[in-house]
Amino acid sequence: MSQKNTGIQMTGKALLFINGVPPKNLPETEDYAMIACSDGAFHYLKEKNFPLDKLDFISGDFDSHLGSDEAIYHDRFIFTPDQDKTDFHKSLEIIQERGITAVDVYGGSGGEMDHFLGNLTVAFLFKNELEITFYDEFSTYFFAPKNLILENVRGKTISLYPFPLTENITTKGLNWPLNNDTLDLSKRIGTRNFASEETVVINYGKGDLVVFVEN
């Protein structure tokens, strides 16, 4: 699946691991300008033999003890004790401050669902500054631009989730198309559609829309 997003100029992409369900397979790292993790994700990266020397920073309040690694990687720790923000939120702030415009996030879902909803809400707060894409074992998901093209998706489940209201949605390439329709979290959502063509086009006018694409 590839995604085309018109209107966002990338100056680099970050890879960020946070403390949800760890990915079964770690992504390739060569194309990232920055690699970072929360203090909780640091543990599963170590268990998966991730090359920790590739990390640009480790952010958190460090309530998860890091043991002997504290001495080795101490220069990469960024202590962020603000309890009014999640570790994910604070990591995105650091990434944004360093001039990155796009972030791939692993460990953002699974486990306790309040964490998942909280991470989605944090992504909403940054959606105008950062192009954030989540990856898990089931799907890729993100806040969609108003004009979105998905390629190589025939047969995949595509879900459209209003956040909380999305107006004037028109789609092409979905089995159940929308034609200038409205999705409303309190009335109608667009989950469990699927791509009947290789290319899916999604356009909308007002509001915000989360798109989930099956792996």
Protein backbone atom coordinates (compact mmCIF):
# COMPACT_ATOMS: atom_id res chain seq x y z
CA MET A 1 0.00 0.00 0.00
CA SER A 2 1.33 3.41 -0.92
CA GLN A 3 -0.12 6.76 -0.04
CA LYS A 4 0.07 10.05 -1.90
CA ASN A 5 -0.55 13.19 0.11
CA THR A 6 -0.63 16.48 -1.73
CA GLY A 7 0.33 19.61 0.14
CA ILE A 8 2.90 18.34 2.70
CA GLN A 9 6.57 19.01 2.03
CA MET A 10 8.76 16.55 3.92
CA THR A 11 12.07 17.64 5.38
CA GLY A 12 12.67 14.18 6.83
CA LYS A 13 10.82 11.33 8.46
CA ALA A 14 11.14 9.98 11.99
CA LEU A 15 10.59 6.45 13.24
CA LEU A 16 9.05 6.42 16.71
CA PHE A 17 8.41 3.44 18.98
CA ILE A 18 5.96 3.90 21.86
CA ASN A 19 4.74 1.65 24.64
CA GLY A 20 1.78 -0.19 23.12
CA VAL A 21 1.88 -3.74 21.79
CA PRO A 22 5.38 -4.26 20.32
CA PRO A 23 5.58 -4.96 16.59
CA LYS A 24 6.24 -8.60 15.77
CA ASN A 25 8.67 -7.53 13.07
CA LEU A 26 10.76 -4.41 13.36
CA PRO A 27 10.78 -2.08 10.35
CA GLU A 28 13.80 -1.29 8.24
CA THR A 29 15.51 1.87 9.47
CA GLU A 30 17.64 3.05 6.55
CA ASP A 31 15.24 5.68 5.19
CA TYR A 32 14.65 7.56 8.45
CA ALA A 33 16.27 10.86 9.35
CA MET A 34 15.59 10.23 13.06
CA ILE A 35 14.82 7.19 15.24
CA ALA A 36 13.42 7.55 18.75
CA CYS A 37 11.42 5.75 21.43
CA SER A 38 9.64 6.27 24.71
CA ASP A 39 11.24 4.85 27.83
CA GLY A 40 8.68 2.03 27.92
CA ALA A 41 9.34 1.04 24.31
CA PHE A 42 13.08 0.96 25.03
CA HIS A 43 12.56 -2.35 26.86
CA TYR A 44 10.97 -4.22 23.98
CA LEU A 45 13.48 -2.82 21.49
CA LYS A 46 16.25 -4.23 23.68
CA GLU A 47 14.48 -7.62 23.91
CA LYS A 48 14.12 -7.69 20.12
CA ASN A 49 17.83 -6.93 19.67
CA PHE A 50 17.16 -3.62 17.97
CA PRO A 51 20.47 -1.74 17.41
CA LEU A 52 20.04 0.75 20.24
CA ASP A 53 22.94 2.87 19.04
CA LYS A 54 20.68 3.99 16.18
CA LEU A 55 18.36 5.79 18.61
CA ASP A 56 18.59 9.57 18.47
CA PHE A 57 16.71 10.02 21.72
CA ILE A 58 14.74 8.17 24.41
CA SER A 59 11.99 10.27 25.97
CA GLY A 60 9.92 9.85 29.11
CA ASP A 61 9.65 10.30 32.83
CA PHE A 62 11.72 7.12 33.21
CA ASP A 63 9.34 5.47 35.62
CA SER A 64 10.37 2.30 33.75
CA HIS A 65 13.82 1.48 35.08
CA LEU A 66 16.38 1.08 32.30
CA GLY A 67 19.06 -0.67 34.35
CA SER A 68 22.64 -0.80 33.11
CA ASP A 69 21.65 0.83 29.83
CA GLU A 70 21.27 4.14 31.67
CA ALA A 71 25.06 4.55 31.71
CA ILE A 72 25.55 3.45 28.08
CA TYR A 73 22.84 5.59 26.49
CA HIS A 74 22.59 8.38 29.05
CA ASP A 75 23.45 11.10 26.51
CA ARG A 76 20.33 10.17 24.51
CA PHE A 77 17.87 10.36 27.40
CA ILE A 78 15.51 13.33 27.41
CA PHE A 79 13.77 13.63 30.75
CA THR A 80 10.17 14.79 30.18
CA PRO A 81 8.39 14.67 33.55
CA ASP A 82 5.26 16.66 32.58
CA GLN A 83 2.39 14.47 33.82
CA ASP A 84 -0.17 16.51 31.87
CA LYS A 85 1.16 15.02 28.61
CA THR A 86 1.74 11.43 27.53
CA ASP A 87 5.17 10.14 26.50
CA PHE A 88 3.86 10.02 22.93
CA HIS A 89 2.87 13.68 23.05
CA LYS A 90 6.22 14.71 24.48
CA SER A 91 8.12 12.66 21.88
CA LEU A 92 6.21 14.35 19.06
CA GLU A 93 7.06 17.75 20.50
CA ILE A 94 10.77 16.88 20.41
CA ILE A 95 10.52 15.53 16.88
CA GLN A 96 8.73 18.65 15.69
CA GLU A 97 11.26 20.93 17.38
CA ARG A 98 14.02 19.18 15.44
CA GLY A 99 12.46 20.01 12.10
CA ILE A 100 10.91 16.66 11.18
CA THR A 101 7.59 16.78 9.33
CA ALA A 102 6.53 13.10 9.14
CA VAL A 103 6.51 10.30 11.73
CA ASP A 104 5.94 6.54 11.45
CA VAL A 105 4.70 5.20 14.79
CA TYR A 106 4.93 1.62 16.07
CA GLY A 107 3.41 0.49 19.36
CA GLY A 108 0.51 2.93 19.20
CA SER A 109 -2.31 0.41 19.53
CA GLY A 110 -3.23 -2.86 21.22
CA GLY A 111 -3.43 -3.70 24.88
CA GLU A 112 -5.35 -1.15 26.92
CA MET A 113 -7.71 0.61 24.53
CA ASP A 114 -7.68 3.89 26.46
CA HIS A 115 -4.02 4.15 25.42
CA PHE A 116 -4.99 3.65 21.78
CA LEU A 117 -7.69 6.33 21.95
CA GLY A 118 -5.33 8.64 23.77
CA ASN A 119 -2.66 8.17 21.08
CA LEU A 120 -5.20 8.87 18.35
CA THR A 121 -6.21 12.07 20.13
CA VAL A 122 -2.57 13.15 20.45
CA ALA A 123 -2.10 12.56 16.71
CA PHE A 124 -5.14 14.77 16.09
CA LEU A 125 -3.47 17.60 18.02
CA PHE A 126 -0.41 17.42 15.74
CA LYS A 127 -2.14 16.66 12.45
CA ASN A 128 -1.48 20.11 10.96
CA GLU A 129 2.23 20.04 11.81
CA LEU A 130 3.20 16.39 11.40
CA GLU A 131 2.15 13.66 8.99
CA ILE A 132 1.70 10.79 11.47
CA THR A 133 1.17 7.21 10.31
CA PHE A 134 0.54 4.36 12.76
CA TYR A 135 1.48 0.77 12.02
CA ASP A 136 0.29 -2.33 13.86
CA GLU A 137 -0.19 -6.03 13.10
CA PHE A 138 -3.57 -5.46 11.46
CA SER A 139 -3.54 -2.14 9.67
CA THR A 140 -1.98 1.20 8.84
CA TYR A 141 -3.96 4.23 9.96
CA PHE A 142 -3.66 8.00 9.86
CA PHE A 143 -5.54 11.28 9.71
CA ALA A 144 -6.22 11.66 6.01
CA PRO A 145 -5.60 14.81 3.99
CA LYS A 146 -8.65 16.13 2.18
CA ASN A 147 -7.42 14.60 -1.08
CA LEU A 148 -6.02 11.10 -0.63
CA ILE A 149 -4.89 8.42 -3.09
CA LEU A 150 -4.24 4.86 -1.90
CA GLU A 151 -2.50 2.54 -4.34
CA ASN A 152 -2.10 -1.26 -4.51
CA VAL A 153 -5.00 -1.89 -2.13
CA ARG A 154 -7.41 -4.12 -4.08
CA GLY A 155 -9.21 -6.54 -1.72
CA LYS A 156 -8.03 -4.82 1.44
CA THR A 157 -10.40 -3.62 4.14
CA ILE A 158 -10.60 0.17 4.20
CA SER A 159 -12.32 1.88 7.11
CA LEU A 160 -13.30 5.55 7.22
CA TYR A 161 -13.74 6.89 10.72
CA PRO A 162 -15.05 10.44 11.29
CA PHE A 163 -13.34 12.36 14.06
CA PRO A 164 -16.04 13.20 15.00
CA LEU A 165 -17.67 14.62 11.84
CA THR A 166 -16.61 14.49 8.20
CA GLU A 167 -18.66 16.16 5.46
CA ASN A 168 -18.80 16.00 1.66
CA ILE A 169 -16.99 12.66 1.34
CA THR A 170 -16.66 11.20 -2.14
CA THR A 171 -14.77 7.99 -2.85
CA LYS A 172 -13.72 6.01 -5.89
CA GLY A 173 -12.54 2.41 -5.83
CA LEU A 174 -14.39 1.27 -2.70
CA ASN A 175 -17.00 -1.48 -2.88
CA TRP A 176 -19.56 0.79 -1.17
CA PRO A 177 -18.81 4.24 -2.56
CA LEU A 178 -19.67 7.53 -0.93
CA ASN A 179 -20.94 10.45 -2.99
CA ASN A 180 -20.82 13.79 -1.20
CA ASP A 181 -21.88 11.97 1.99
CA THR A 182 -21.44 12.81 5.66
CA LEU A 183 -20.01 10.53 8.33
CA ASP A 184 -20.84 11.35 11.92
CA LEU A 185 -19.53 9.50 14.97
CA SER A 186 -22.97 9.73 16.60
CA LYS A 187 -24.92 8.55 13.54
CA ARG A 188 -22.97 6.86 10.77
CA ILE A 189 -19.39 5.69 10.38
CA GLY A 190 -17.66 4.05 7.42
CA THR A 191 -15.88 1.02 8.84
CA ARG A 192 -15.30 -2.35 7.12
CA ASN A 193 -15.55 -1.20 3.52
CA PHE A 194 -13.08 -2.73 1.09
CA ALA A 195 -11.18 -1.78 -2.03
CA SER A 196 -12.68 -3.15 -5.23
CA GLU A 197 -9.91 -1.55 -7.32
CA GLU A 198 -6.14 -1.23 -7.05
CA THR A 199 -6.42 2.53 -6.54
CA VAL A 200 -8.78 4.17 -4.07
CA VAL A 201 -9.43 7.91 -4.08
CA ILE A 202 -10.95 9.64 -1.04
CA ASN A 203 -11.91 13.32 -1.04
CA TYR A 204 -13.78 15.28 1.62
CA GLY A 205 -14.64 18.88 2.34
CA LYS A 206 -15.00 19.57 6.06
CA GLY A 207 -13.98 17.91 9.32
CA ASP A 208 -11.39 15.26 10.05
CA LEU A 209 -11.15 11.65 8.91
CA VAL A 210 -9.11 8.68 10.12
CA VAL A 211 -8.43 6.08 7.45
CA PHE A 212 -7.53 2.49 8.33
CA VAL A 213 -5.96 0.28 5.64
CA GLU A 214 -5.62 -3.46 6.19
CA ASN A 215 -2.08 -4.80 6.00
